[in-house]
């Protein structure tokens, strides 16, 4: 249901949500560039900076920015909950009609926000950035990303080419109704499609990280695959349990399939008898166990989701919120 607001309520047109984790070298530069772009858009705005348990001077710098700009709000999480939780904390407190999310490491160009907003005015509910010319490493980032995006398009029916980028613009009425858990922030368009959201994407700049080291790598591929299974399950039949059982299930399936393939080659090509071969039995057992573990993971996801939603629990814990606007309902 669309929200209606009376004029003069002081509600900003735009909310920009940026999660930070150990980005002391980037956050002030990003703020200055972001402020310049948002000032040029013409509408009132708020900048919501979420410190996701940083161990460096990130929070100190964000606090200094807050002290100098009344449009800045800073949310300090009690520990590092992850990017999904940090975004959810910002989304839950965003008041703008258009909510924009982006990374805090300067890999997104704030100038692209202007183009996102222009596209939103054509009647879309979500406009996603598309890193058309990727600057990431081929093996560890680009190939896994291409495969994950292709699978997600197929499973969700949402025809965008880059689910993974954080740079997106949302109608507030849509993002407020998307329930996030685990590490599902990269699949918000797929989850929002279940609400009937009108979704499109535009090319954006993909910039090499100027400071620090990326928090992501090839090691997250397994997690992305499990999240894809979770999203498909949630879309078709209605945080963390899937990561335990699903990992064991994938390992069992992979080994079971490899053993089975080996035995099939022995039988078909070399004519060896495999009727009583222990490797065949192990292969069958591992495949069965794999499906059972993944099924347990999916059940765990559903139970966890029902628990959090029915209890009204958040997937994050806030330590402090600094806000200049008492109307926002935050502590100062």
Protein backbone atom coordinates (compact mmCIF):
# COMPACT_ATOMS: atom_id res chain seq x y z
CA UNK A 1 0.00 0.00 0.00
CA UNK A 2 1.43 3.39 -0.96
CA UNK A 3 2.08 5.85 1.84
CA UNK A 4 0.55 9.31 1.86
CA UNK A 5 2.10 12.18 3.79
CA UNK A 6 1.01 15.70 4.43
CA UNK A 7 3.25 18.53 3.26
CA UNK A 8 5.46 20.13 5.87
CA UNK A 9 6.17 17.00 7.86
CA UNK A 10 9.88 17.38 7.22
CA UNK A 11 10.19 13.97 5.60
CA UNK A 12 13.23 13.78 3.30
CA UNK A 13 12.87 12.86 -0.33
CA UNK A 14 15.97 10.65 -0.24
CA UNK A 15 17.65 8.40 2.30
CA UNK A 16 21.15 7.14 1.52
CA UNK A 17 22.18 4.08 3.55
CA UNK A 18 25.90 3.24 3.69
CA UNK A 19 27.35 0.40 5.81
CA UNK A 20 30.97 0.80 6.94
CA UNK A 21 33.36 -1.83 8.27
CA UNK A 22 36.95 -0.71 8.86
CA UNK A 23 36.83 2.02 6.21
CA UNK A 24 38.69 4.83 8.02
CA UNK A 25 40.54 5.83 4.84
CA UNK A 26 37.39 6.06 2.73
CA UNK A 27 34.49 7.36 4.79
CA UNK A 28 35.25 11.10 4.80
CA UNK A 29 36.04 11.18 1.08
CA UNK A 30 32.85 9.27 0.33
CA UNK A 31 30.82 11.67 2.50
CA UNK A 32 32.18 14.74 0.72
CA UNK A 33 31.47 13.30 -2.74
CA UNK A 34 28.06 12.01 -1.65
CA UNK A 35 27.06 15.35 -0.14
CA UNK A 36 27.97 17.16 -3.36
CA UNK A 37 25.78 14.85 -5.44
CA UNK A 38 22.82 14.90 -3.07
CA UNK A 39 22.91 18.70 -2.79
CA UNK A 40 22.61 18.90 -6.58
CA UNK A 41 19.45 16.74 -6.71
CA UNK A 42 17.29 19.49 -5.26
CA UNK A 43 15.30 17.54 -2.68
CA UNK A 44 15.83 17.19 1.06
CA UNK A 45 17.85 14.13 2.05
CA UNK A 46 19.38 12.22 4.95
CA UNK A 47 22.61 10.22 5.06
CA UNK A 48 22.44 7.12 7.26
CA UNK A 49 25.89 5.76 8.04
CA UNK A 50 25.98 2.37 9.76
CA UNK A 51 29.16 1.32 11.57
CA UNK A 52 29.18 -2.48 11.49
CA UNK A 53 31.50 -3.08 14.45
CA UNK A 54 34.59 -1.45 12.96
CA UNK A 55 37.87 -1.98 14.85
CA UNK A 56 39.67 1.06 13.39
CA UNK A 57 38.86 4.82 13.47
CA UNK A 58 35.79 4.55 11.23
CA UNK A 59 33.29 5.31 13.99
CA UNK A 60 35.36 8.27 15.26
CA UNK A 61 35.42 9.78 11.77
CA UNK A 62 31.70 9.18 11.25
CA UNK A 63 30.99 10.86 14.57
CA UNK A 64 32.98 13.91 13.41
CA UNK A 65 30.96 14.02 10.19
CA UNK A 66 27.73 13.77 12.20
CA UNK A 67 28.78 16.71 14.40
CA UNK A 68 29.26 18.90 11.31
CA UNK A 69 26.17 17.97 9.27
CA UNK A 70 22.59 17.84 10.61
CA UNK A 71 21.50 15.61 7.73
CA UNK A 72 23.77 12.79 8.88
CA UNK A 73 22.60 10.02 11.17
CA UNK A 74 25.04 7.40 12.53
CA UNK A 75 24.03 3.95 13.70
CA UNK A 76 26.58 2.00 15.74
CA UNK A 77 26.05 -1.74 15.85
CA UNK A 78 27.31 -3.66 18.88
CA UNK A 79 29.53 -5.94 16.80
CA UNK A 80 30.20 -6.95 13.22
CA UNK A 81 26.90 -8.47 12.10
CA UNK A 82 27.64 -8.42 8.36
CA UNK A 83 26.52 -6.30 5.44
CA UNK A 84 22.95 -7.59 5.30
CA UNK A 85 22.31 -6.73 8.95
CA UNK A 86 23.97 -3.31 8.60
CA UNK A 87 21.81 -2.49 5.58
CA UNK A 88 18.70 -3.72 7.38
CA UNK A 89 19.45 -1.41 10.33
CA UNK A 90 19.67 1.52 7.91
CA UNK A 91 16.61 0.54 5.90
CA UNK A 92 14.52 0.20 9.06
CA UNK A 93 15.29 3.81 9.98
CA UNK A 94 15.17 5.37 6.53
CA UNK A 95 12.42 7.97 6.08
CA UNK A 96 12.94 9.06 2.49
CA UNK A 97 10.51 8.19 -0.26
CA UNK A 98 13.50 6.90 -2.25
CA UNK A 99 16.06 4.81 -0.37
CA UNK A 100 19.51 4.44 -1.91
CA UNK A 101 22.13 1.94 -0.74
CA UNK A 102 25.82 1.83 -1.59
CA UNK A 103 29.13 0.47 -0.28
CA UNK A 104 31.44 2.55 1.89
CA UNK A 105 34.73 1.58 0.20
CA UNK A 106 34.64 4.04 -2.73
CA UNK A 107 34.04 1.31 -5.30
CA UNK A 108 30.78 3.04 -6.18
CA UNK A 109 30.68 6.45 -7.84
CA UNK A 110 28.17 8.73 -6.04
CA UNK A 111 27.56 10.44 -9.39
CA UNK A 112 25.67 7.31 -10.47
CA UNK A 113 22.99 8.10 -7.87
CA UNK A 114 21.72 10.87 -10.14
CA UNK A 115 21.07 8.36 -12.91
CA UNK A 116 19.41 5.90 -10.53
CA UNK A 117 17.01 8.62 -9.38
CA UNK A 118 16.23 9.68 -12.95
CA UNK A 119 15.38 6.08 -13.85
CA UNK A 120 13.17 5.74 -10.76
CA UNK A 121 11.09 8.65 -12.02
CA UNK A 122 10.03 6.51 -14.97
CA UNK A 123 7.85 4.51 -12.58
CA UNK A 124 10.15 1.75 -11.32
CA UNK A 125 10.18 0.45 -7.74
CA UNK A 126 13.81 -0.70 -7.82
CA UNK A 127 16.67 0.45 -10.01
CA UNK A 128 19.77 -1.71 -9.65
CA UNK A 129 23.29 -0.85 -10.69
CA UNK A 130 24.94 -3.05 -13.30
CA UNK A 131 28.74 -3.25 -13.20
CA UNK A 132 28.98 -3.64 -16.95
CA UNK A 133 32.76 -3.35 -17.07
CA UNK A 134 34.01 -5.28 -14.04
CA UNK A 135 37.42 -4.35 -12.60
CA UNK A 136 37.60 -7.38 -10.29
CA UNK A 137 39.88 -10.36 -10.68
CA UNK A 138 38.63 -12.78 -13.33
CA UNK A 139 38.91 -16.11 -11.47
CA UNK A 140 38.05 -15.11 -7.92
CA UNK A 141 35.33 -12.53 -8.54
CA UNK A 142 34.06 -12.13 -12.11
CA UNK A 143 33.47 -15.76 -13.09
CA UNK A 144 31.74 -16.74 -9.79
CA UNK A 145 29.64 -13.56 -10.03
CA UNK A 146 28.63 -14.28 -13.62
CA UNK A 147 27.57 -17.82 -12.72
CA UNK A 148 25.62 -16.73 -9.62
CA UNK A 149 23.80 -13.99 -11.54
CA UNK A 150 22.89 -16.38 -14.36
CA UNK A 151 21.47 -18.91 -11.88
CA UNK A 152 19.56 -16.22 -9.99
CA UNK A 153 18.01 -14.85 -13.17
CA UNK A 154 16.87 -18.34 -14.08
CA UNK A 155 15.43 -19.18 -10.68
CA UNK A 156 13.82 -15.84 -9.83
CA UNK A 157 12.67 -14.69 -13.26
CA UNK A 158 14.11 -11.22 -12.58
CA UNK A 159 16.02 -10.24 -15.69
CA UNK A 160 18.86 -8.15 -14.32
CA UNK A 161 22.53 -8.95 -14.89
CA UNK A 162 24.02 -7.87 -11.56
CA UNK A 163 22.26 -8.90 -8.36
CA UNK A 164 25.42 -8.51 -6.27
CA UNK A 165 26.12 -4.78 -6.34
CA UNK A 166 24.94 -2.78 -3.32
CA UNK A 167 24.32 0.38 -5.36
CA UNK A 168 20.56 0.36 -5.80
CA UNK A 169 17.60 2.71 -5.42
CA UNK A 170 14.34 1.54 -3.87
CA UNK A 171 10.90 2.91 -3.25
CA UNK A 172 10.54 3.09 0.52
CA UNK A 173 7.23 1.22 0.39
CA UNK A 174 9.02 -1.75 -1.22
CA UNK A 175 12.23 -2.00 0.80
CA UNK A 176 10.33 -1.71 4.08
CA UNK A 177 8.45 -4.90 3.19
CA UNK A 178 11.47 -7.01 2.24
CA UNK A 179 12.54 -9.12 5.21
CA UNK A 180 16.30 -9.62 5.25
CA UNK A 181 18.18 -12.42 7.00
CA UNK A 182 21.46 -14.28 6.60
CA UNK A 183 23.38 -12.65 3.72
CA UNK A 184 20.44 -12.02 1.39
CA UNK A 185 21.06 -8.31 0.72
CA UNK A 186 22.49 -9.12 -2.72
CA UNK A 187 19.21 -10.77 -3.71
CA UNK A 188 16.80 -8.00 -2.67
CA UNK A 189 15.46 -7.59 -6.23
CA UNK A 190 14.56 -11.28 -6.34
CA UNK A 191 12.83 -11.09 -2.95
CA UNK A 192 11.05 -7.87 -3.96
CA UNK A 193 9.78 -9.46 -7.16
CA UNK A 194 7.52 -11.58 -4.97
CA UNK A 195 5.83 -8.31 -3.93
CA UNK A 196 5.19 -7.31 -7.54
CA UNK A 197 7.98 -4.73 -7.67
CA UNK A 198 8.85 -3.19 -11.03
CA UNK A 199 12.60 -3.68 -11.42
CA UNK A 200 15.21 -2.52 -13.90
CA UNK A 201 18.95 -1.83 -14.00
CA UNK A 202 21.35 0.72 -15.47
CA UNK A 203 25.12 0.53 -16.10
CA UNK A 204 27.27 2.03 -13.34
CA UNK A 205 30.98 2.60 -12.88
CA UNK A 206 32.98 -0.19 -11.26
CA UNK A 207 36.00 1.37 -9.54
CA UNK A 208 39.01 -0.43 -8.13
CA UNK A 209 39.07 -0.17 -4.35
CA UNK A 210 41.46 2.75 -3.59
CA UNK A 211 42.14 1.89 0.07
CA UNK A 212 42.34 -1.20 2.22
CA UNK A 213 41.60 -4.79 1.31
CA UNK A 214 38.36 -6.29 0.06
CA UNK A 215 36.33 -8.20 2.64
CA UNK A 216 35.16 -10.60 -0.06
CA UNK A 217 36.86 -13.28 -2.11
CA UNK A 218 36.54 -16.74 -3.59
CA UNK A 219 35.80 -18.15 -0.13
CA UNK A 220 32.30 -16.66 -0.19
CA UNK A 221 31.28 -18.64 -3.29
CA UNK A 222 29.84 -21.51 -1.22
CA UNK A 223 27.78 -19.05 0.80
CA UNK A 224 26.41 -17.41 -2.34
CA UNK A 225 25.35 -20.78 -3.76
CA UNK A 226 23.53 -21.63 -0.53
CA UNK A 227 21.85 -18.21 -0.50
CA UNK A 228 20.62 -18.81 -4.04
CA UNK A 229 19.00 -22.07 -2.89
CA UNK A 230 17.44 -20.22 0.05
CA UNK A 231 16.05 -17.41 -2.12
CA UNK A 232 14.56 -19.89 -4.55
CA UNK A 233 12.98 -21.78 -1.67
CA UNK A 234 11.53 -18.59 -0.14
CA UNK A 235 10.22 -17.37 -3.49
CA UNK A 236 8.61 -20.66 -4.40
CA UNK A 237 7.16 -21.81 -1.05
CA UNK A 238 6.54 -18.89 1.09
CA UNK A 239 19.70 -17.22 8.97
CA UNK A 240 22.32 -19.18 9.38
CA UNK A 241 21.10 -22.84 9.76
CA UNK A 242 21.46 -23.26 6.01
CA UNK A 243 25.12 -22.32 6.23
CA UNK A 244 25.77 -25.30 8.55
CA UNK A 245 23.67 -28.06 7.03
CA UNK A 246 23.88 -26.72 3.49
CA UNK A 247 27.68 -26.72 3.50
CA UNK A 248 27.78 -30.33 4.65
CA UNK A 249 25.14 -31.21 2.07
CA UNK A 250 27.07 -29.62 -0.78
CA UNK A 251 30.28 -31.39 0.26
CA UNK A 252 28.50 -34.75 0.43
CA UNK A 253 26.82 -34.20 -2.96
CA UNK A 254 30.07 -33.19 -4.63
CA UNK A 255 32.04 -36.17 -3.32
CA UNK A 256 29.19 -38.58 -3.94
CA UNK A 257 28.79 -37.38 -7.52
CA UNK A 258 32.53 -37.60 -8.16
CA UNK A 259 32.70 -41.17 -6.83
CA UNK A 260 29.64 -42.10 -8.85
CA UNK A 261 31.10 -40.62 -12.02
CA UNK A 262 34.35 -42.51 -11.48
CA UNK A 263 32.52 -45.80 -11.05
CA UNK A 264 30.38 -45.13 -14.13
CA UNK A 265 33.53 -44.59 -16.19
CA UNK A 266 34.98 -47.85 -14.85
CA UNK A 267 31.85 -49.71 -15.86
CA UNK A 268 31.11 -48.13 -19.25
CA UNK A 269 34.61 -47.68 -20.64
CA UNK A 270 36.63 -50.44 -19.00
CA UNK A 271 33.86 -52.96 -18.34
CA UNK A 272 34.73 -53.44 -14.68
CA UNK A 273 32.11 -55.01 -12.45
CA UNK A 274 30.94 -52.54 -9.81
CA UNK A 275 27.98 -54.40 -8.36
CA UNK A 276 29.54 -54.92 -4.93
CA UNK A 277 32.07 -52.10 -5.05
CA UNK A 278 32.19 -50.20 -1.74
CA UNK A 279 32.80 -46.97 -3.62
CA UNK A 280 29.43 -47.29 -5.33
CA UNK A 281 27.70 -47.74 -2.00
CA UNK A 282 29.61 -44.78 -0.56
CA UNK A 283 28.60 -42.67 -3.54
CA UNK A 284 24.91 -43.45 -3.09
CA UNK A 285 25.14 -42.84 0.65
CA UNK A 286 26.83 -39.46 0.22
CA UNK A 287 24.29 -38.29 -2.35
CA UNK A 288 21.41 -39.25 -0.08
CA UNK A 289 23.08 -37.56 2.89
CA UNK A 290 23.69 -34.47 0.77
CA UNK A 291 20.03 -34.05 -0.06
CA UNK A 292 19.08 -34.72 3.57
CA UNK A 293 21.48 -32.07 4.91
CA UNK A 294 20.25 -29.47 2.41
CA UNK A 295 16.64 -30.31 3.32
CA UNK A 296 17.48 -29.83 7.00
CA UNK A 297 19.06 -26.49 6.12
CA UNK A 298 15.94 -25.32 4.31
CA UNK A 299 13.76 -26.36 7.24
CA UNK A 300 16.10 -24.50 9.55
CA UNK A 301 15.80 -21.39 7.40
CA UNK A 302 12.02 -21.50 7.54
CA UNK A 303 11.96 -22.07 11.31
CA UNK A 304 14.46 -19.24 11.85
CA UNK A 305 12.48 -16.91 9.57
CA UNK A 306 9.19 -17.66 11.34
CA UNK A 307 10.87 -17.15 14.72
CA UNK A 308 12.37 -13.77 13.89
CA UNK A 309 9.28 -12.43 12.16
CA UNK A 310 6.78 -13.67 14.74
CA UNK A 311 8.88 -12.38 17.65
CA UNK A 312 9.62 -9.09 15.90
CA UNK A 313 13.34 -9.67 16.42
CA UNK A 314 15.98 -7.92 14.35
CA UNK A 315 19.03 -9.59 12.84
CA UNK A 316 21.22 -6.87 14.37
CA UNK A 317 21.72 -5.16 17.76
CA UNK A 318 22.20 -1.40 17.97
CA UNK A 319 24.53 0.12 20.56
CA UNK A 320 23.90 3.81 19.84
CA UNK A 321 22.18 6.06 17.30
CA UNK A 322 23.20 9.66 16.75
CA UNK A 323 20.53 11.81 15.13
CA UNK A 324 19.90 15.56 14.96
CA UNK A 325 16.17 15.07 14.31
CA UNK A 326 14.00 14.16 17.29
CA UNK A 327 11.15 13.40 14.88
CA UNK A 328 13.10 10.41 13.65
CA UNK A 329 12.38 8.64 16.91
CA UNK A 330 16.05 7.86 17.57
CA UNK A 331 18.07 8.41 20.70
CA UNK A 332 20.69 11.19 20.60
